[in-house]
N, C-alpha and C. Protein backbone atom coordinates (compact mmCIF):
# COMPACT_ATOMS: atom_id res chain seq x y z
N UNK A 1 0.86 -1.16 0.00
CA UNK A 1 0.00 0.00 0.00
C UNK A 1 0.90 1.22 0.00
N UNK A 2 0.57 2.23 -0.79
CA UNK A 2 1.43 3.39 -0.87
C UNK A 2 1.17 4.36 0.29
N UNK A 3 2.08 5.30 0.46
CA UNK A 3 2.04 6.22 1.59
C UNK A 3 0.82 7.14 1.52
N UNK A 4 0.47 7.59 0.32
CA UNK A 4 -0.68 8.50 0.18
C UNK A 4 -1.97 7.82 0.64
N UNK A 5 -2.20 6.60 0.21
CA UNK A 5 -3.42 5.90 0.60
C UNK A 5 -3.46 5.68 2.11
N UNK A 6 -2.36 5.33 2.70
CA UNK A 6 -2.30 5.10 4.14
C UNK A 6 -2.53 6.40 4.90
N UNK A 7 -1.93 7.49 4.42
CA UNK A 7 -2.10 8.79 5.08
C UNK A 7 -3.51 9.31 4.92
N UNK A 8 -4.09 9.12 3.75
CA UNK A 8 -5.45 9.61 3.49
C UNK A 8 -6.44 8.88 4.38
N UNK A 9 -6.25 7.58 4.55
CA UNK A 9 -7.16 6.82 5.39
C UNK A 9 -7.10 7.30 6.84
N UNK A 10 -5.92 7.64 7.31
CA UNK A 10 -5.77 8.10 8.69
C UNK A 10 -6.37 9.49 8.87
N UNK A 11 -6.37 10.32 7.81
CA UNK A 11 -6.84 11.69 7.92
C UNK A 11 -8.35 11.83 7.75
N UNK A 12 -9.00 10.84 7.20
CA UNK A 12 -10.44 10.94 6.95
C UNK A 12 -11.20 10.79 8.25
N UNK A 13 -12.20 11.69 8.43
CA UNK A 13 -13.03 11.61 9.63
C UNK A 13 -13.88 10.36 9.56
N UNK A 14 -14.09 9.74 10.70
CA UNK A 14 -14.96 8.55 10.67
C UNK A 14 -16.38 8.95 10.28
N UNK A 15 -16.99 8.11 9.50
CA UNK A 15 -18.36 8.38 9.05
C UNK A 15 -19.32 8.22 10.21
N UNK A 16 -20.36 9.01 10.20
CA UNK A 16 -21.38 8.88 11.23
C UNK A 16 -22.10 7.55 11.03
N UNK A 17 -22.34 6.92 12.11
CA UNK A 17 -23.08 5.68 12.02
C UNK A 17 -24.55 6.02 11.83
N UNK A 18 -25.12 5.48 10.84
CA UNK A 18 -26.53 5.72 10.55
C UNK A 18 -27.28 4.41 10.64
N UNK A 19 -28.48 4.50 11.08
CA UNK A 19 -29.30 3.30 11.18
C UNK A 19 -30.19 3.23 9.94
N UNK A 20 -30.12 2.09 9.28
CA UNK A 20 -30.95 1.86 8.11
C UNK A 20 -31.89 0.71 8.40
N UNK A 21 -33.06 0.78 7.84
CA UNK A 21 -34.06 -0.26 8.04
C UNK A 21 -34.25 -1.02 6.74
N UNK A 22 -34.55 -2.29 6.89
CA UNK A 22 -34.81 -3.11 5.71
C UNK A 22 -36.04 -2.58 5.00
N UNK A 23 -35.98 -2.64 3.69
CA UNK A 23 -37.16 -2.21 2.94
C UNK A 23 -38.28 -3.21 3.18
N UNK A 24 -39.48 -2.75 2.98
CA UNK A 24 -40.62 -3.61 3.20
C UNK A 24 -40.60 -4.75 2.20
N UNK A 25 -40.84 -5.93 2.68
CA UNK A 25 -40.84 -7.11 1.81
C UNK A 25 -42.01 -7.03 0.84
N UNK A 26 -41.78 -7.50 -0.39
CA UNK A 26 -42.89 -7.49 -1.34
C UNK A 26 -44.00 -8.43 -0.87
N UNK A 27 -45.19 -8.13 -1.31
CA UNK A 27 -46.33 -8.99 -0.95
C UNK A 27 -46.06 -10.39 -1.46
N UNK A 28 -46.33 -11.38 -0.63
CA UNK A 28 -46.05 -12.74 -1.05
C UNK A 28 -47.07 -13.16 -2.11
N UNK A 29 -46.59 -13.98 -2.99
CA UNK A 29 -47.45 -14.48 -4.05
C UNK A 29 -47.61 -15.98 -3.85
N UNK A 30 -48.75 -16.49 -4.18
CA UNK A 30 -49.03 -17.91 -3.99
C UNK A 30 -48.82 -18.71 -5.26
N UNK A 31 -48.38 -18.07 -6.33
CA UNK A 31 -48.24 -18.75 -7.61
C UNK A 31 -46.78 -18.71 -8.06
N UNK A 32 -46.36 -19.79 -8.67
CA UNK A 32 -45.04 -19.90 -9.24
C UNK A 32 -45.19 -19.76 -10.75
N UNK A 33 -44.43 -18.85 -11.36
CA UNK A 33 -44.47 -18.67 -12.81
C UNK A 33 -43.31 -19.44 -13.43
N UNK A 34 -43.64 -20.39 -14.30
CA UNK A 34 -42.65 -21.28 -14.88
C UNK A 34 -42.40 -20.97 -16.35
N UNK A 35 -41.12 -20.86 -16.67
CA UNK A 35 -40.67 -20.83 -18.06
C UNK A 35 -39.70 -21.99 -18.22
N UNK A 36 -40.04 -22.92 -19.10
CA UNK A 36 -39.27 -24.16 -19.30
C UNK A 36 -38.96 -24.26 -20.78
N UNK A 37 -37.68 -24.14 -21.14
CA UNK A 37 -37.31 -24.11 -22.55
C UNK A 37 -36.18 -25.10 -22.86
N UNK A 38 -36.21 -25.56 -24.09
CA UNK A 38 -35.12 -26.31 -24.70
C UNK A 38 -34.68 -25.48 -25.90
N UNK A 39 -33.53 -25.78 -26.49
CA UNK A 39 -33.04 -24.91 -27.57
C UNK A 39 -34.01 -24.66 -28.72
N UNK A 40 -34.89 -25.60 -29.03
CA UNK A 40 -35.75 -25.46 -30.20
C UNK A 40 -37.19 -25.07 -29.89
N UNK A 41 -37.58 -25.02 -28.58
CA UNK A 41 -38.96 -24.63 -28.28
C UNK A 41 -39.14 -24.29 -26.81
N UNK A 42 -40.23 -23.60 -26.53
CA UNK A 42 -40.62 -23.31 -25.15
C UNK A 42 -41.72 -24.29 -24.77
N UNK A 43 -41.48 -25.06 -23.71
CA UNK A 43 -42.47 -26.02 -23.24
C UNK A 43 -43.50 -25.31 -22.38
N UNK A 44 -43.04 -24.42 -21.51
CA UNK A 44 -43.89 -23.53 -20.70
C UNK A 44 -43.32 -22.12 -20.84
N UNK A 45 -44.19 -21.14 -20.93
CA UNK A 45 -43.71 -19.76 -21.08
C UNK A 45 -44.51 -18.87 -20.13
N UNK A 46 -43.95 -18.60 -18.94
CA UNK A 46 -44.62 -17.75 -17.97
C UNK A 46 -45.92 -18.33 -17.46
N UNK A 47 -46.02 -19.65 -17.41
CA UNK A 47 -47.24 -20.34 -16.99
C UNK A 47 -47.29 -20.44 -15.47
N UNK A 48 -48.45 -20.21 -14.90
CA UNK A 48 -48.63 -20.34 -13.46
C UNK A 48 -48.81 -21.80 -13.09
N UNK A 49 -47.98 -22.28 -12.16
CA UNK A 49 -48.05 -23.65 -11.67
C UNK A 49 -47.99 -23.64 -10.15
N UNK A 50 -48.34 -24.77 -9.53
CA UNK A 50 -48.29 -24.84 -8.07
C UNK A 50 -46.90 -25.18 -7.56
N UNK A 51 -46.25 -26.17 -8.21
CA UNK A 51 -44.97 -26.66 -7.71
C UNK A 51 -44.18 -27.30 -8.83
N UNK A 52 -42.85 -27.27 -8.71
CA UNK A 52 -41.97 -27.97 -9.64
C UNK A 52 -40.97 -28.76 -8.80
N UNK A 53 -40.83 -30.04 -9.11
CA UNK A 53 -39.84 -30.89 -8.46
C UNK A 53 -38.77 -31.24 -9.49
N UNK A 54 -37.51 -31.13 -9.11
CA UNK A 54 -36.44 -31.41 -10.06
C UNK A 54 -35.24 -32.02 -9.36
N UNK A 55 -34.38 -32.63 -10.17
CA UNK A 55 -33.15 -33.27 -9.68
C UNK A 55 -31.98 -32.37 -10.00
N UNK A 56 -31.44 -31.71 -8.97
CA UNK A 56 -30.29 -30.82 -9.14
C UNK A 56 -29.03 -31.51 -8.62
N UNK A 57 -27.88 -30.98 -8.97
CA UNK A 57 -26.63 -31.56 -8.48
C UNK A 57 -26.52 -31.42 -6.97
N UNK A 58 -27.21 -30.43 -6.38
CA UNK A 58 -27.19 -30.25 -4.93
C UNK A 58 -28.22 -31.14 -4.23
N UNK A 59 -29.04 -31.84 -4.99
CA UNK A 59 -30.05 -32.73 -4.43
C UNK A 59 -31.40 -32.50 -5.07
N UNK A 60 -32.36 -33.35 -4.76
CA UNK A 60 -33.71 -33.20 -5.28
C UNK A 60 -34.36 -32.00 -4.61
N UNK A 61 -35.10 -31.23 -5.39
CA UNK A 61 -35.72 -30.00 -4.88
C UNK A 61 -37.19 -29.94 -5.22
N UNK A 62 -37.98 -29.41 -4.30
CA UNK A 62 -39.36 -29.07 -4.56
C UNK A 62 -39.46 -27.56 -4.49
N UNK A 63 -39.91 -26.94 -5.55
CA UNK A 63 -39.92 -25.48 -5.64
C UNK A 63 -41.35 -24.98 -5.66
N UNK A 64 -41.65 -24.11 -4.72
CA UNK A 64 -42.95 -23.46 -4.60
C UNK A 64 -42.77 -21.96 -4.78
N UNK A 65 -43.87 -21.22 -4.79
CA UNK A 65 -43.79 -19.76 -4.83
C UNK A 65 -43.01 -19.28 -3.61
N UNK A 66 -42.32 -18.16 -3.76
CA UNK A 66 -41.53 -17.53 -2.69
C UNK A 66 -40.35 -18.39 -2.23
N UNK A 67 -39.83 -19.24 -3.11
CA UNK A 67 -38.66 -20.06 -2.78
C UNK A 67 -37.43 -19.14 -2.71
N UNK A 68 -36.45 -19.55 -1.96
CA UNK A 68 -35.20 -18.81 -1.87
C UNK A 68 -34.56 -18.77 -3.25
N UNK A 69 -34.12 -17.60 -3.72
CA UNK A 69 -33.47 -17.52 -5.03
C UNK A 69 -32.22 -18.39 -5.10
N UNK A 70 -32.04 -19.02 -6.24
CA UNK A 70 -30.92 -19.93 -6.40
C UNK A 70 -30.72 -20.25 -7.88
N UNK A 71 -29.53 -20.68 -8.21
CA UNK A 71 -29.24 -21.20 -9.55
C UNK A 71 -28.74 -22.61 -9.34
N UNK A 72 -29.38 -23.57 -10.00
CA UNK A 72 -29.08 -24.98 -9.80
C UNK A 72 -28.76 -25.66 -11.13
N UNK A 73 -27.71 -26.47 -11.13
CA UNK A 73 -27.41 -27.30 -12.28
C UNK A 73 -28.26 -28.56 -12.19
N UNK A 74 -28.87 -28.95 -13.29
CA UNK A 74 -29.76 -30.11 -13.30
C UNK A 74 -28.99 -31.38 -13.64
N UNK A 75 -29.30 -32.43 -12.92
CA UNK A 75 -28.81 -33.77 -13.25
C UNK A 75 -29.74 -34.37 -14.29
N UNK A 76 -29.27 -35.38 -15.02
CA UNK A 76 -30.23 -36.11 -15.84
C UNK A 76 -31.29 -36.70 -14.93
N UNK A 77 -32.54 -36.41 -15.21
CA UNK A 77 -33.61 -36.91 -14.36
C UNK A 77 -34.94 -36.26 -14.69
N UNK A 78 -35.88 -36.44 -13.79
CA UNK A 78 -37.25 -36.01 -14.02
C UNK A 78 -37.48 -34.61 -13.48
N UNK A 79 -38.16 -33.80 -14.28
CA UNK A 79 -38.71 -32.53 -13.83
C UNK A 79 -40.22 -32.75 -13.77
N UNK A 80 -40.76 -32.69 -12.56
CA UNK A 80 -42.20 -32.90 -12.35
C UNK A 80 -42.86 -31.55 -12.16
N UNK A 81 -43.85 -31.27 -12.98
CA UNK A 81 -44.56 -29.99 -12.92
C UNK A 81 -45.99 -30.25 -12.45
N UNK A 82 -46.30 -29.71 -11.29
CA UNK A 82 -47.64 -29.84 -10.73
C UNK A 82 -48.39 -28.57 -11.07
N UNK A 83 -49.20 -28.66 -12.12
CA UNK A 83 -49.95 -27.49 -12.59
C UNK A 83 -51.09 -27.16 -11.63
N UNK A 84 -51.77 -28.19 -11.18
CA UNK A 84 -52.89 -28.04 -10.24
C UNK A 84 -53.02 -29.35 -9.49
N UNK A 85 -54.00 -29.43 -8.60
CA UNK A 85 -54.19 -30.65 -7.82
C UNK A 85 -54.49 -31.85 -8.73
N UNK A 86 -55.06 -31.60 -9.89
CA UNK A 86 -55.45 -32.69 -10.80
C UNK A 86 -54.45 -32.94 -11.92
N UNK A 87 -53.61 -31.98 -12.25
CA UNK A 87 -52.75 -32.09 -13.44
C UNK A 87 -51.28 -32.05 -13.05
N UNK A 88 -50.58 -33.15 -13.35
CA UNK A 88 -49.14 -33.25 -13.14
C UNK A 88 -48.51 -33.76 -14.42
N UNK A 89 -47.43 -33.12 -14.85
CA UNK A 89 -46.70 -33.55 -16.04
C UNK A 89 -45.26 -33.81 -15.66
N UNK A 90 -44.69 -34.84 -16.28
CA UNK A 90 -43.30 -35.21 -16.00
C UNK A 90 -42.50 -35.22 -17.29
N UNK A 91 -41.31 -34.63 -17.20
CA UNK A 91 -40.39 -34.57 -18.33
C UNK A 91 -39.04 -35.11 -17.89
N UNK A 92 -38.39 -35.83 -18.79
CA UNK A 92 -37.02 -36.24 -18.53
C UNK A 92 -36.11 -35.21 -19.17
N UNK A 93 -35.15 -34.67 -18.40
CA UNK A 93 -34.16 -33.73 -18.94
C UNK A 93 -32.79 -34.37 -18.85
N UNK A 94 -31.97 -34.12 -19.85
CA UNK A 94 -30.62 -34.68 -19.86
C UNK A 94 -29.64 -33.82 -19.09
N UNK A 95 -30.03 -32.61 -18.78
CA UNK A 95 -29.18 -31.67 -18.06
C UNK A 95 -29.64 -30.26 -18.33
N UNK A 96 -29.03 -29.30 -17.67
CA UNK A 96 -29.38 -27.90 -17.87
C UNK A 96 -29.26 -27.12 -16.57
N UNK A 97 -30.00 -26.01 -16.49
CA UNK A 97 -29.97 -25.16 -15.32
C UNK A 97 -31.36 -24.69 -14.95
N UNK A 98 -31.58 -24.51 -13.66
CA UNK A 98 -32.83 -23.94 -13.15
C UNK A 98 -32.45 -22.68 -12.38
N UNK A 99 -33.12 -21.58 -12.69
CA UNK A 99 -32.89 -20.32 -12.00
C UNK A 99 -34.17 -19.95 -11.25
N UNK A 100 -34.05 -19.91 -9.94
CA UNK A 100 -35.19 -19.54 -9.08
C UNK A 100 -35.01 -18.07 -8.74
N UNK A 101 -35.96 -17.25 -9.14
CA UNK A 101 -35.87 -15.79 -8.98
C UNK A 101 -36.65 -15.31 -7.77
N UNK A 102 -36.29 -14.14 -7.24
CA UNK A 102 -36.99 -13.61 -6.06
C UNK A 102 -38.45 -13.26 -6.31
N UNK A 103 -38.86 -13.11 -7.56
CA UNK A 103 -40.24 -12.73 -7.87
C UNK A 103 -41.15 -13.94 -8.09
N UNK A 104 -40.78 -15.08 -7.53
CA UNK A 104 -41.54 -16.33 -7.66
C UNK A 104 -41.65 -16.80 -9.10
N UNK A 105 -40.59 -16.58 -9.86
CA UNK A 105 -40.54 -17.15 -11.21
C UNK A 105 -39.40 -18.16 -11.25
N UNK A 106 -39.58 -19.17 -12.07
CA UNK A 106 -38.60 -20.23 -12.23
C UNK A 106 -38.32 -20.40 -13.71
N UNK A 107 -37.05 -20.33 -14.07
CA UNK A 107 -36.64 -20.54 -15.46
C UNK A 107 -35.84 -21.83 -15.52
N UNK A 108 -36.29 -22.75 -16.35
CA UNK A 108 -35.56 -24.00 -16.56
C UNK A 108 -35.08 -24.01 -18.00
N UNK A 109 -33.77 -24.08 -18.17
CA UNK A 109 -33.15 -24.17 -19.49
C UNK A 109 -32.51 -25.55 -19.59
N UNK A 110 -33.10 -26.41 -20.39
CA UNK A 110 -32.63 -27.79 -20.51
C UNK A 110 -32.01 -28.02 -21.88
N UNK A 111 -31.02 -28.91 -21.90
CA UNK A 111 -30.39 -29.28 -23.16
C UNK A 111 -31.39 -30.06 -24.01
N UNK A 112 -32.02 -31.05 -23.39
CA UNK A 112 -33.05 -31.86 -24.04
C UNK A 112 -34.12 -32.16 -23.00
N UNK A 113 -35.35 -32.26 -23.44
CA UNK A 113 -36.45 -32.64 -22.54
C UNK A 113 -37.48 -33.41 -23.36
N UNK A 114 -37.99 -34.47 -22.74
CA UNK A 114 -39.02 -35.27 -23.41
C UNK A 114 -40.03 -35.70 -22.35
N UNK A 115 -41.29 -35.67 -22.71
CA UNK A 115 -42.34 -36.11 -21.80
C UNK A 115 -42.18 -37.60 -21.52
N UNK A 116 -42.36 -38.00 -20.27
CA UNK A 116 -42.23 -39.42 -19.92
C UNK A 116 -43.28 -40.26 -20.66
N UNK A 117 -44.39 -39.65 -21.03
CA UNK A 117 -45.44 -40.36 -21.77
C UNK A 117 -44.96 -40.84 -23.14
N UNK A 118 -43.92 -40.19 -23.67
CA UNK A 118 -43.43 -40.52 -25.01
C UNK A 118 -42.33 -41.59 -25.00
N UNK A 119 -41.93 -42.06 -23.82
CA UNK A 119 -40.81 -43.00 -23.71
C UNK A 119 -41.28 -44.43 -23.50
N UNK A 120 -40.50 -45.37 -24.01
CA UNK A 120 -40.80 -46.79 -23.87
C UNK A 120 -39.73 -47.44 -22.99
N UNK A 121 -40.14 -48.08 -21.91
CA UNK A 121 -39.21 -48.74 -21.00
C UNK A 121 -38.40 -49.82 -21.73
N UNK A 122 -39.02 -50.58 -22.60
CA UNK A 122 -38.32 -51.64 -23.32
C UNK A 122 -37.20 -51.07 -24.20
N UNK A 123 -37.48 -49.98 -24.89
CA UNK A 123 -36.46 -49.37 -25.75
C UNK A 123 -35.32 -48.78 -24.92
N UNK A 124 -35.66 -48.20 -23.79
CA UNK A 124 -34.62 -47.65 -22.91
C UNK A 124 -33.72 -48.77 -22.40
N UNK A 125 -34.30 -49.90 -22.00
CA UNK A 125 -33.51 -51.02 -21.49
C UNK A 125 -32.60 -51.59 -22.57
N UNK A 126 -33.10 -51.67 -23.80
CA UNK A 126 -32.29 -52.16 -24.92
C UNK A 126 -31.13 -51.21 -25.20
N UNK A 127 -31.40 -49.92 -25.21
CA UNK A 127 -30.36 -48.93 -25.46
C UNK A 127 -29.34 -48.90 -24.32
N UNK A 128 -29.79 -49.10 -23.08
CA UNK A 128 -28.88 -49.15 -21.94
C UNK A 128 -27.91 -50.32 -22.08
N UNK A 129 -28.44 -51.48 -22.44
CA UNK A 129 -27.57 -52.65 -22.61
C UNK A 129 -26.53 -52.40 -23.70
N UNK A 130 -26.94 -51.77 -24.78
CA UNK A 130 -26.00 -51.47 -25.87
C UNK A 130 -24.94 -50.46 -25.43
N UNK A 131 -25.35 -49.43 -24.68
CA UNK A 131 -24.39 -48.44 -24.19
C UNK A 131 -23.39 -49.07 -23.23
N UNK A 132 -23.86 -50.00 -22.39
CA UNK A 132 -22.95 -50.69 -21.47
C UNK A 132 -21.97 -51.58 -22.22
N UNK A 133 -22.44 -52.24 -23.29
CA UNK A 133 -21.54 -53.04 -24.14
C UNK A 133 -20.50 -52.15 -24.80
N UNK A 134 -20.94 -51.00 -25.31
CA UNK A 134 -20.01 -50.06 -25.96
C UNK A 134 -18.96 -49.56 -24.98
N UNK A 135 -19.35 -49.31 -23.74
CA UNK A 135 -18.39 -48.85 -22.73
C UNK A 135 -17.37 -49.94 -22.42
N UNK A 136 -17.83 -51.18 -22.35
CA UNK A 136 -16.93 -52.29 -22.03
C UNK A 136 -15.96 -52.60 -23.18
N UNK A 137 -16.41 -52.37 -24.42
CA UNK A 137 -15.60 -52.71 -25.59
C UNK A 137 -14.93 -51.51 -26.24
N UNK A 138 -14.95 -50.35 -25.59
CA UNK A 138 -14.40 -49.14 -26.19
C UNK A 138 -12.89 -49.28 -26.39
N UNK A 139 -12.44 -48.79 -27.55
CA UNK A 139 -11.02 -48.89 -27.88
C UNK A 139 -10.20 -47.75 -27.25
N UNK A 140 -10.81 -46.59 -27.09
CA UNK A 140 -10.08 -45.45 -26.52
C UNK A 140 -10.80 -44.93 -25.28
N UNK A 141 -10.09 -44.12 -24.52
CA UNK A 141 -10.68 -43.51 -23.33
C UNK A 141 -11.82 -42.56 -23.70
N UNK A 142 -11.67 -41.89 -24.84
CA UNK A 142 -12.72 -40.97 -25.29
C UNK A 142 -14.01 -41.74 -25.60
N UNK A 143 -13.89 -42.84 -26.35
CA UNK A 143 -15.07 -43.67 -26.67
C UNK A 143 -15.70 -44.23 -25.41
N UNK A 144 -14.85 -44.63 -24.46
CA UNK A 144 -15.35 -45.18 -23.20
C UNK A 144 -16.12 -44.12 -22.42
N UNK A 145 -15.60 -42.89 -22.38
CA UNK A 145 -16.27 -41.79 -21.65
C UNK A 145 -17.61 -41.46 -22.29
N UNK A 146 -17.65 -41.43 -23.62
CA UNK A 146 -18.91 -41.14 -24.33
C UNK A 146 -19.95 -42.22 -24.03
N UNK A 147 -19.52 -43.48 -24.10
CA UNK A 147 -20.45 -44.58 -23.83
C UNK A 147 -20.90 -44.57 -22.37
N UNK A 148 -20.03 -44.19 -21.46
CA UNK A 148 -20.39 -44.14 -20.03
C UNK A 148 -21.43 -43.05 -19.78
N UNK A 149 -21.27 -41.89 -20.41
CA UNK A 149 -22.26 -40.81 -20.28
C UNK A 149 -23.60 -41.27 -20.83
N UNK A 150 -23.56 -41.93 -21.99
CA UNK A 150 -24.80 -42.45 -22.59
C UNK A 150 -25.47 -43.46 -21.67
N UNK A 151 -24.69 -44.34 -21.07
CA UNK A 151 -25.24 -45.33 -20.15
C UNK A 151 -25.84 -44.66 -18.92
N UNK A 152 -25.18 -43.62 -18.41
CA UNK A 152 -25.71 -42.89 -17.25
C UNK A 152 -27.07 -42.27 -17.55
N UNK A 153 -27.21 -41.71 -18.74
CA UNK A 153 -28.49 -41.10 -19.13
C UNK A 153 -29.57 -42.17 -19.25
N UNK A 154 -29.24 -43.31 -19.86
CA UNK A 154 -30.23 -44.39 -19.98
C UNK A 154 -30.60 -44.97 -18.62
N UNK A 155 -29.64 -45.03 -17.69
CA UNK A 155 -29.96 -45.50 -16.33
C UNK A 155 -30.92 -44.53 -15.65
N UNK A 156 -30.69 -43.24 -15.83
CA UNK A 156 -31.60 -42.24 -15.25
C UNK A 156 -32.97 -42.33 -15.90
N UNK A 157 -33.03 -42.57 -17.21
CA UNK A 157 -34.32 -42.75 -17.89
C UNK A 157 -35.05 -43.97 -17.35
N UNK A 158 -34.32 -45.06 -17.18
CA UNK A 158 -34.93 -46.29 -16.68
C UNK A 158 -35.49 -46.06 -15.26
N UNK A 159 -34.73 -45.38 -14.43
CA UNK A 159 -35.19 -45.08 -13.07
C UNK A 159 -36.46 -44.22 -13.11
N UNK A 160 -36.47 -43.24 -14.00
CA UNK A 160 -37.62 -42.34 -14.12
C UNK A 160 -38.89 -43.11 -14.55
N UNK A 161 -38.72 -44.07 -15.43
CA UNK A 161 -39.87 -44.81 -15.94
C UNK A 161 -40.36 -45.89 -14.99
N UNK A 162 -39.53 -46.33 -14.07
CA UNK A 162 -39.94 -47.40 -13.16
C UNK A 162 -40.42 -46.88 -11.81
N UNK A 163 -40.36 -45.58 -11.58
CA UNK A 163 -40.85 -45.00 -10.32
C UNK A 163 -42.34 -44.90 -10.32
C-alpha cells in the first residue's frame, strides 16, 4: 500500500453511524411462474403452476412460490410440474440449469427434454444394454467416456420410468 493511501485513510473523519431499516418485503405471491425451454422450443412460457420438483446436483428439490433464489445445475432426471391438484406432467431432462428468482418465477433451461409419456421402458432397457456393451468394448478412453455418459443417461431414464 502506498504512503498516500495510508495517510489519506488516517486523515479521513470517521463516518457517522446511521441506522438503516430493511425495505418492506414485497407482498407474497401464492403462484409460481414457470418458463421451461429447450433450444428449439418453449415447453412452458410464464405459466402459473403450483410446484416444480427437479433433480439438481445439490439434491432433489421441490420449488414453490416464494422459494429462496438460487441457480441450480440439473442432473439427468425427471422434472415434475404440478400445474394443479389434478394435473401433473413429468419430463425427462438430460441436463441444464434452473434459475429460481426472487419474484416467484422459475426458469428451466434444458439441453433436451421429453415427456415421460413418449418414452418406452423396453427401448430404454435395450439402449442401456447397448451403451454398457459399448463402454466395455471401447477402444479409446474418449469412446469409453462417451459410452459411459450415454449409459448414465439411460440409467436415469430407466429409473424415471420405473418410479
